[in-house]
N, C-alpha and C. Protein backbone atom coordinates (compact mmCIF):
# COMPACT_ATOMS: atom_id res chain seq x y z
N UNK A 1 -33.03 6.42 7.30
CA UNK A 1 -31.65 6.94 7.61
C UNK A 1 -31.12 5.49 7.93
N UNK A 2 -31.63 4.37 8.27
CA UNK A 2 -31.10 3.25 9.42
C UNK A 2 -30.36 2.76 8.58
N UNK A 3 -31.64 2.69 6.78
CA UNK A 3 -30.42 2.12 5.99
C UNK A 3 -29.04 2.58 5.29
N UNK A 4 -28.61 3.99 5.63
CA UNK A 4 -27.76 4.44 4.87
C UNK A 4 -26.52 4.05 6.12
N UNK A 5 -26.89 4.27 7.33
CA UNK A 5 -26.30 3.87 8.28
C UNK A 5 -25.70 2.39 8.43
N UNK A 6 -26.40 1.51 8.11
CA UNK A 6 -26.05 -0.01 8.18
C UNK A 6 -24.88 0.18 6.74
N UNK A 7 -25.62 1.30 5.58
CA UNK A 7 -24.57 0.68 4.43
C UNK A 7 -23.20 0.92 4.80
N UNK A 8 -22.75 2.47 5.25
CA UNK A 8 -21.22 2.89 5.78
C UNK A 8 -21.14 2.15 7.03
N UNK A 9 -21.77 1.36 7.32
CA UNK A 9 -21.00 0.18 8.09
C UNK A 9 -20.15 -0.79 7.29
N UNK A 10 -21.47 -1.49 6.54
CA UNK A 10 -20.96 -2.83 5.56
C UNK A 10 -18.99 -1.77 4.67
N UNK A 11 -19.39 -0.89 4.56
CA UNK A 11 -18.82 -0.65 3.16
C UNK A 11 -17.35 0.18 3.97
N UNK A 12 -17.55 -0.01 5.35
CA UNK A 12 -16.43 0.27 6.17
C UNK A 12 -15.36 -0.71 6.23
N UNK A 13 -16.21 -2.08 6.84
CA UNK A 13 -15.89 -3.29 6.92
C UNK A 13 -15.00 -3.98 6.00
N UNK A 14 -15.82 -3.29 4.49
CA UNK A 14 -15.35 -4.49 3.26
C UNK A 14 -13.77 -3.26 3.50
N UNK A 15 -13.76 -2.13 3.57
CA UNK A 15 -12.35 -1.96 2.91
C UNK A 15 -11.93 -2.40 4.43
N UNK A 16 -11.86 -2.54 5.33
CA UNK A 16 -10.71 -2.88 6.55
C UNK A 16 -10.53 -4.39 6.22
N UNK A 17 -11.43 -5.18 5.82
CA UNK A 17 -11.01 -6.34 5.55
C UNK A 17 -10.67 -6.80 4.39
N UNK A 18 -9.61 -7.40 3.87
CA UNK A 18 -8.99 -8.01 2.64
C UNK A 18 -9.69 -8.78 1.91
N UNK A 19 -10.27 -8.66 0.45
CA UNK A 19 -11.03 -9.09 0.22
C UNK A 19 -10.63 -10.46 -0.20
N UNK A 20 -9.39 -10.88 -0.05
CA UNK A 20 -8.78 -12.23 -0.29
C UNK A 20 -7.45 -12.01 0.33
N UNK A 21 -6.95 -12.92 1.16
CA UNK A 21 -5.70 -12.61 2.03
C UNK A 21 -4.81 -13.03 1.11
N UNK A 22 -5.45 -13.60 0.00
CA UNK A 22 -4.01 -14.65 -0.41
C UNK A 22 -3.68 -13.37 -1.99
N UNK A 23 -4.41 -12.65 -2.49
CA UNK A 23 -4.80 -11.66 -3.86
C UNK A 23 -5.35 -13.42 -4.43
N UNK A 24 -5.91 -12.49 -5.15
CA UNK A 24 -6.86 -13.41 -6.53
C UNK A 24 -5.56 -13.94 -7.43
N UNK A 25 -4.41 -13.40 -7.88
CA UNK A 25 -3.30 -13.97 -8.99
C UNK A 25 -2.08 -14.80 -8.20
N UNK A 26 -2.23 -14.09 -6.53
CA UNK A 26 -1.18 -15.39 -6.10
C UNK A 26 -1.53 -16.30 -6.07
N UNK A 27 -2.85 -17.16 -6.16
CA UNK A 27 -3.29 -18.29 -6.65
C UNK A 27 -3.05 -18.70 -8.29
N UNK A 28 -3.19 -17.67 -8.76
CA UNK A 28 -3.48 -18.19 -10.25
C UNK A 28 -1.57 -18.68 -10.87
N UNK A 29 -1.00 -17.59 -10.41
CA UNK A 29 0.73 -17.89 -10.88
C UNK A 29 0.59 -19.26 -10.26
N UNK A 30 0.95 -19.75 -9.17
CA UNK A 30 1.05 -20.91 -8.41
C UNK A 30 0.82 -21.81 -8.90
N UNK A 31 -0.78 -21.69 -9.25
CA UNK A 31 -1.33 -22.95 -10.52
C UNK A 31 -0.34 -23.12 -11.33
N UNK A 32 -0.46 -22.00 -12.24
CA UNK A 32 0.51 -21.81 -13.77
C UNK A 32 1.92 -21.90 -13.64
N UNK A 33 2.61 -21.48 -12.54
CA UNK A 33 4.33 -21.84 -12.62
C UNK A 33 4.63 -22.83 -11.61
N UNK A 34 4.46 -22.54 -10.26
CA UNK A 34 5.07 -23.35 -9.27
C UNK A 34 4.01 -24.64 -9.31
N UNK A 35 3.19 -25.18 -9.22
CA UNK A 35 2.26 -26.36 -8.88
C UNK A 35 3.28 -27.41 -9.93
N UNK A 36 3.68 -26.82 -10.92
CA UNK A 36 4.70 -28.29 -11.81
C UNK A 36 5.09 -28.79 -11.04
N UNK A 37 6.04 -28.31 -10.24
CA UNK A 37 7.17 -29.17 -10.09
C UNK A 37 6.68 -29.27 -8.36
N UNK A 38 6.03 -28.07 -8.01
CA UNK A 38 5.94 -28.18 -6.16
C UNK A 38 4.45 -28.96 -5.88
N UNK A 39 4.32 -29.20 -6.88
CA UNK A 39 2.37 -29.76 -6.83
C UNK A 39 1.37 -28.84 -6.21
N UNK A 40 -0.14 -29.44 -6.45
CA UNK A 40 -1.21 -28.22 -6.45
C UNK A 40 -1.05 -27.50 -5.39
N UNK A 41 -1.07 -28.78 -3.99
CA UNK A 41 -0.87 -28.17 -2.92
C UNK A 41 -0.20 -27.97 -2.11
N UNK A 42 0.77 -27.85 -3.15
CA UNK A 42 2.74 -27.48 -2.26
C UNK A 42 3.25 -28.88 -1.55
N UNK A 43 2.61 -30.11 -1.96
CA UNK A 43 3.36 -31.25 -1.44
C UNK A 43 4.10 -32.14 -2.35
N UNK A 44 4.77 -31.61 -3.35
CA UNK A 44 5.09 -32.26 -4.31
C UNK A 44 4.80 -32.79 -5.14
N UNK A 45 5.41 -33.29 -6.27
CA UNK A 45 5.26 -33.47 -7.46
C UNK A 45 5.83 -34.95 -7.96
N UNK A 46 6.10 -36.20 -8.18
CA UNK A 46 7.06 -37.39 -7.57
C UNK A 46 7.49 -37.37 -9.65
N UNK A 47 7.17 -36.89 -10.38
CA UNK A 47 7.79 -36.66 -11.54
C UNK A 47 8.74 -35.85 -11.79
N UNK A 48 8.39 -34.60 -11.23
CA UNK A 48 9.56 -33.60 -10.99
C UNK A 48 10.86 -33.73 -10.26
N UNK A 49 9.94 -34.55 -8.95
CA UNK A 49 11.41 -35.28 -8.66
C UNK A 49 12.58 -36.25 -9.23
N UNK A 50 11.66 -37.21 -9.81
CA UNK A 50 12.26 -37.95 -10.62
C UNK A 50 13.14 -37.09 -12.24
N UNK A 51 12.55 -36.45 -12.92
CA UNK A 51 13.17 -35.80 -13.25
C UNK A 51 14.49 -34.92 -12.87
N UNK A 52 14.13 -34.07 -11.70
CA UNK A 52 15.20 -33.29 -11.16
C UNK A 52 16.54 -34.38 -10.89
N UNK A 53 16.14 -35.67 -10.22
CA UNK A 53 16.68 -36.76 -9.84
C UNK A 53 17.07 -35.70 -8.11
N UNK A 54 16.18 -35.42 -7.91
CA UNK A 54 15.98 -34.86 -6.30
C UNK A 54 14.45 -34.62 -5.79
N UNK A 55 14.69 -35.00 -4.33
CA UNK A 55 13.13 -34.18 -3.91
C UNK A 55 12.94 -32.79 -4.14
N UNK A 56 11.95 -32.03 -4.56
CA UNK A 56 11.83 -30.83 -5.05
C UNK A 56 11.02 -30.69 -3.67
N UNK A 57 12.00 -29.36 -2.68
CA UNK A 57 11.03 -28.71 -1.11
C UNK A 57 9.35 -28.65 -1.56
N UNK A 58 9.18 -29.15 -0.29
CA UNK A 58 7.59 -29.12 -0.61
C UNK A 58 7.37 -27.59 0.30
N UNK A 59 6.17 -27.27 -0.08
CA UNK A 59 6.07 -25.94 0.17
C UNK A 59 5.09 -25.51 1.99
N UNK A 60 4.50 -27.23 1.79
CA UNK A 60 4.07 -26.64 2.80
C UNK A 60 4.50 -27.46 4.17
N UNK A 61 5.79 -27.64 3.60
CA UNK A 61 6.53 -27.97 4.66
C UNK A 61 6.81 -26.88 6.26
N UNK A 62 7.51 -27.28 7.28
CA UNK A 62 7.59 -26.67 8.32
C UNK A 62 9.11 -25.89 8.01
N UNK A 63 9.90 -26.42 7.49
CA UNK A 63 11.02 -25.67 6.64
C UNK A 63 10.75 -24.98 5.88
N UNK A 64 10.42 -24.86 4.90
CA UNK A 64 9.35 -23.83 3.86
C UNK A 64 8.58 -22.50 4.49
N UNK A 65 7.50 -23.44 5.44
CA UNK A 65 7.26 -22.15 5.97
C UNK A 65 7.81 -20.98 7.02
N UNK A 66 8.96 -21.75 7.79
CA UNK A 66 9.79 -20.72 8.74
C UNK A 66 10.04 -19.74 7.80
N UNK A 67 10.24 -20.50 6.73
CA UNK A 67 11.13 -19.09 5.67
C UNK A 67 10.84 -17.16 5.82
N UNK A 68 11.18 -16.94 5.71
CA UNK A 68 11.26 -15.12 5.64
C UNK A 68 10.18 -15.16 4.24
N UNK A 69 8.97 -14.09 3.83
CA UNK A 69 8.68 -13.81 2.97
C UNK A 69 9.69 -13.33 2.23
N UNK A 70 10.94 -12.78 2.64
CA UNK A 70 11.69 -12.09 1.76
C UNK A 70 12.43 -13.34 1.03
N UNK A 71 12.62 -13.95 2.20
CA UNK A 71 13.59 -15.77 1.64
C UNK A 71 13.12 -16.54 0.40
N UNK A 72 11.58 -16.30 0.21
CA UNK A 72 10.28 -17.04 -0.76
C UNK A 72 10.75 -15.94 -1.86
N UNK A 73 10.74 -15.04 -1.94
CA UNK A 73 10.54 -14.01 -2.80
C UNK A 73 12.02 -13.77 -3.05
N UNK A 74 13.09 -14.54 -2.88
CA UNK A 74 14.42 -14.48 -3.48
C UNK A 74 14.82 -15.49 -3.79
N UNK A 75 14.03 -16.45 -3.91
CA UNK A 75 14.16 -17.62 -4.19
C UNK A 75 13.18 -18.11 -5.49
N UNK A 76 11.89 -16.87 -5.42
CA UNK A 76 11.19 -16.88 -6.81
C UNK A 76 11.52 -16.10 -7.50
N UNK A 77 12.22 -14.79 -7.12
CA UNK A 77 13.28 -14.03 -8.04
C UNK A 77 14.55 -14.90 -8.60
N UNK A 78 15.26 -15.67 -8.40
CA UNK A 78 16.32 -16.08 -8.53
C UNK A 78 16.76 -17.05 -8.74
N UNK A 79 15.58 -18.19 -8.18
CA UNK A 79 15.86 -19.38 -7.94
C UNK A 79 17.34 -20.16 -7.08
N UNK A 80 16.68 -21.50 -7.08
CA UNK A 80 17.93 -21.55 -5.62
C UNK A 80 18.25 -23.33 -6.23
N UNK A 81 19.62 -23.84 -6.28
CA UNK A 81 19.67 -24.93 -6.43
C UNK A 81 19.61 -25.36 -7.90
N UNK A 82 19.00 -25.84 -8.37
CA UNK A 82 18.06 -26.53 -9.85
C UNK A 82 17.44 -25.85 -10.35
N UNK A 83 16.46 -25.06 -9.42
CA UNK A 83 15.56 -24.01 -9.30
C UNK A 83 15.68 -22.64 -10.48
N UNK A 84 15.48 -22.58 -11.41
CA UNK A 84 15.98 -21.40 -12.31
C UNK A 84 15.04 -20.28 -11.67
N UNK A 85 15.14 -18.98 -12.05
CA UNK A 85 13.62 -18.21 -11.28
C UNK A 85 12.42 -18.60 -11.90
N UNK A 86 11.38 -18.25 -11.30
CA UNK A 86 10.21 -18.62 -11.94
C UNK A 86 9.89 -18.09 -13.04
N UNK A 87 9.50 -18.87 -13.57
CA UNK A 87 9.08 -17.92 -15.51
C UNK A 87 7.34 -17.77 -15.50
N UNK A 88 6.54 -16.83 -15.62
CA UNK A 88 5.19 -17.16 -15.92
C UNK A 88 4.86 -16.57 -17.51
N UNK A 89 3.91 -17.27 -18.04
CA UNK A 89 3.12 -16.61 -19.44
C UNK A 89 3.57 -18.52 -19.93
N UNK A 90 3.41 -18.28 -21.66
CA UNK A 90 3.45 -18.87 -22.57
C UNK A 90 4.56 -19.36 -22.63
N UNK A 91 5.43 -20.74 -22.91
CA UNK A 91 6.40 -21.12 -23.20
C UNK A 91 7.34 -19.95 -24.34
N UNK A 92 6.88 -19.44 -25.33
CA UNK A 92 7.38 -18.18 -26.08
C UNK A 92 7.54 -17.11 -25.39
N UNK A 93 6.69 -17.14 -24.70
CA UNK A 93 6.98 -15.90 -24.12
C UNK A 93 7.08 -15.21 -22.55
N UNK A 94 7.57 -16.50 -22.10
CA UNK A 94 8.07 -15.97 -20.38
C UNK A 94 8.92 -14.48 -20.17
N UNK A 95 8.01 -14.65 -18.89
CA UNK A 95 8.84 -13.48 -18.85
C UNK A 95 9.21 -13.89 -16.53
N UNK A 96 10.04 -12.97 -16.19
CA UNK A 96 10.15 -13.77 -14.24
C UNK A 96 8.52 -13.08 -14.08
N UNK A 97 8.00 -13.78 -13.22
CA UNK A 97 6.87 -13.28 -12.40
C UNK A 97 7.36 -11.95 -11.91
N UNK A 98 6.29 -11.08 -11.89
CA UNK A 98 6.08 -9.56 -12.08
C UNK A 98 6.24 -9.45 -10.38
N UNK A 99 7.13 -8.74 -9.88
CA UNK A 99 7.33 -8.05 -9.12
C UNK A 99 6.41 -7.76 -8.00
N UNK A 100 5.44 -6.75 -8.31
CA UNK A 100 3.87 -6.67 -8.25
C UNK A 100 2.85 -7.75 -7.81
N UNK A 101 3.38 -8.77 -7.86
CA UNK A 101 2.70 -10.17 -7.84
C UNK A 101 3.12 -10.93 -6.87
N UNK A 102 4.73 -10.80 -6.55
CA UNK A 102 5.37 -11.43 -5.06
C UNK A 102 4.91 -11.78 -4.13
N UNK A 103 4.10 -10.58 -3.41
CA UNK A 103 3.65 -10.75 -2.54
C UNK A 103 2.20 -11.68 -1.92
N UNK A 104 1.66 -11.60 -3.10
CA UNK A 104 0.48 -12.09 -3.51
C UNK A 104 1.01 -13.78 -3.59
N UNK A 105 1.99 -14.26 -4.32
CA UNK A 105 2.52 -15.61 -4.68
C UNK A 105 2.70 -16.24 -2.81
N UNK A 106 3.60 -15.19 -2.63
CA UNK A 106 3.69 -16.05 -1.01
C UNK A 106 2.80 -15.94 0.18
N UNK A 107 1.86 -15.20 0.43
CA UNK A 107 0.46 -15.57 0.39
C UNK A 107 -0.04 -16.46 0.34
N UNK A 108 -0.02 -16.95 -0.74
CA UNK A 108 -0.91 -18.33 -1.17
C UNK A 108 -0.05 -18.98 -0.60
N UNK A 109 1.46 -19.26 -0.86
CA UNK A 109 2.09 -20.36 -0.29
C UNK A 109 1.74 -20.14 0.66
N UNK A 110 1.63 -19.55 1.84
CA UNK A 110 1.54 -19.52 3.55
C UNK A 110 0.05 -20.22 3.74
N UNK A 111 -0.73 -20.29 2.65
CA UNK A 111 -1.87 -20.84 2.55
C UNK A 111 -1.97 -22.66 2.56
N UNK A 112 -0.57 -23.09 1.95
CA UNK A 112 -0.56 -24.66 2.06
C UNK A 112 -0.10 -24.55 2.88
N UNK A 113 0.23 -24.33 4.63
CA UNK A 113 0.89 -24.54 5.52
C UNK A 113 0.28 -26.19 5.73
N UNK A 114 0.79 -27.17 6.20
CA UNK A 114 0.51 -28.08 6.83
C UNK A 114 -0.49 -28.24 8.17
N UNK A 115 -1.72 -28.47 7.82
CA UNK A 115 -2.58 -28.14 9.30
C UNK A 115 -2.75 -29.47 10.04
């Protein structure tokens, strides 16, 4: 009887707490798509800055972290300034980041905040 009570408590806790706050695909999409220009930790990529002849926004910066989730989703899907909409997939089969993954990507970007 004690075992089943314990199991029920563990199950309830597992349901209440998310397995991964950022969603496993958010990090994966970020690493494959966003990190090429924004850097692995969101702190920038000097080669991308040189290529675009501008400093690409640092995703770990206070100004980016202050943006609403909706603003970040819009930038990801529509682009901004020299940034085109984010594309995922191989170069021959690229597509816009799927709408159902946007929340995961934004949640992952939130983890990059300077601490």
